[in-house]
Amino acid sequence: MPNLIEELKKLVESKETYPYLKFGAKFALDIEKSDYTPNDILNKAGLSSSYQAEINKGISIYNYLNRV
């Protein structure tokens, strides 16, 4: 499993657009399998918990696109 905190920090520092949404979509399965909530990951990365909704949207997009 990737280090979710480090991956989030890298994506945010890359200055890409919608980094929190992309993080949620890219690591949706890893986030769901981990013991951490999106808010936990944001807090451990030293980022504002206000971005939790964006990560949740990314997870929802991943789940929607991968439905059977």
Protein backbone atom coordinates (compact mmCIF):
# COMPACT_ATOMS: atom_id res chain seq x y z
CA MET A 1 0.00 0.00 0.00
CA PRO A 2 1.36 3.44 -0.85
CA ASN A 3 2.09 5.95 1.88
CA LEU A 4 -1.12 7.95 1.49
CA ILE A 5 0.14 10.94 3.44
CA GLU A 6 3.27 11.31 1.32
CA GLU A 7 1.32 10.76 -1.91
CA LEU A 8 -1.13 13.51 -0.96
CA LYS A 9 1.68 15.92 -0.10
CA LYS A 10 3.39 15.24 -3.44
CA LEU A 11 0.19 15.80 -5.41
CA VAL A 12 -0.58 19.05 -3.61
CA GLU A 13 2.99 20.32 -4.05
CA SER A 14 2.86 19.52 -7.78
CA LYS A 15 0.46 22.46 -8.25
CA GLU A 16 -1.83 20.35 -10.44
CA THR A 17 -5.46 21.36 -10.64
CA TYR A 18 -7.88 19.54 -8.32
CA PRO A 19 -5.19 17.66 -6.37
CA TYR A 20 -7.56 16.49 -3.62
CA LEU A 21 -10.12 15.16 -6.08
CA LYS A 22 -7.40 13.36 -8.03
CA PHE A 23 -5.95 11.91 -4.84
CA GLY A 24 -9.36 10.52 -3.84
CA ALA A 25 -9.91 8.96 -7.26
CA LYS A 26 -6.39 7.57 -7.62
CA PHE A 27 -6.15 6.06 -4.14
CA ALA A 28 -9.82 5.28 -3.46
CA LEU A 29 -9.26 1.58 -2.83
CA ASP A 30 -6.21 2.21 -0.65
CA ILE A 31 -8.08 4.80 1.39
CA GLU A 32 -11.06 2.50 1.86
CA LYS A 33 -8.78 -0.40 2.91
CA SER A 34 -6.77 1.71 5.34
CA ASP A 35 -7.62 2.49 8.92
CA TYR A 36 -7.60 6.21 8.08
CA THR A 37 -10.41 8.49 7.02
CA PRO A 38 -9.76 11.27 4.50
CA ASN A 39 -9.82 13.70 7.42
CA ASP A 40 -7.14 11.66 9.24
CA ILE A 41 -4.93 11.71 6.15
CA LEU A 42 -5.34 15.47 5.74
CA ASN A 43 -4.52 16.09 9.41
CA LYS A 44 -1.42 13.88 9.32
CA ALA A 45 -0.27 15.66 6.15
CA GLY A 46 -0.70 19.03 7.87
CA LEU A 47 -3.42 20.15 5.45
CA SER A 48 -6.81 21.71 6.08
CA SER A 49 -9.63 19.30 6.84
CA SER A 50 -11.88 21.45 4.66
CA TYR A 51 -10.60 19.45 1.66
CA GLN A 52 -12.16 16.25 2.98
CA ALA A 53 -15.21 16.77 0.77
CA GLU A 54 -12.97 16.91 -2.32
CA ILE A 55 -11.28 13.63 -1.44
CA ASN A 56 -14.68 12.04 -0.81
CA LYS A 57 -15.85 13.26 -4.24
CA GLY A 58 -12.81 11.61 -5.84
CA ILE A 59 -13.61 8.35 -4.07
CA SER A 60 -17.22 8.58 -5.24
CA ILE A 61 -16.14 9.21 -8.82
CA TYR A 62 -13.85 6.18 -8.71
CA ASN A 63 -16.62 4.01 -7.29
CA TYR A 64 -19.13 5.28 -9.85
CA LEU A 65 -16.82 4.60 -12.80
CA ASN A 66 -15.91 1.12 -11.56
CA ARG A 67 -19.36 -0.20 -10.80
CA VAL A 68 -20.16 -3.56 -12.30
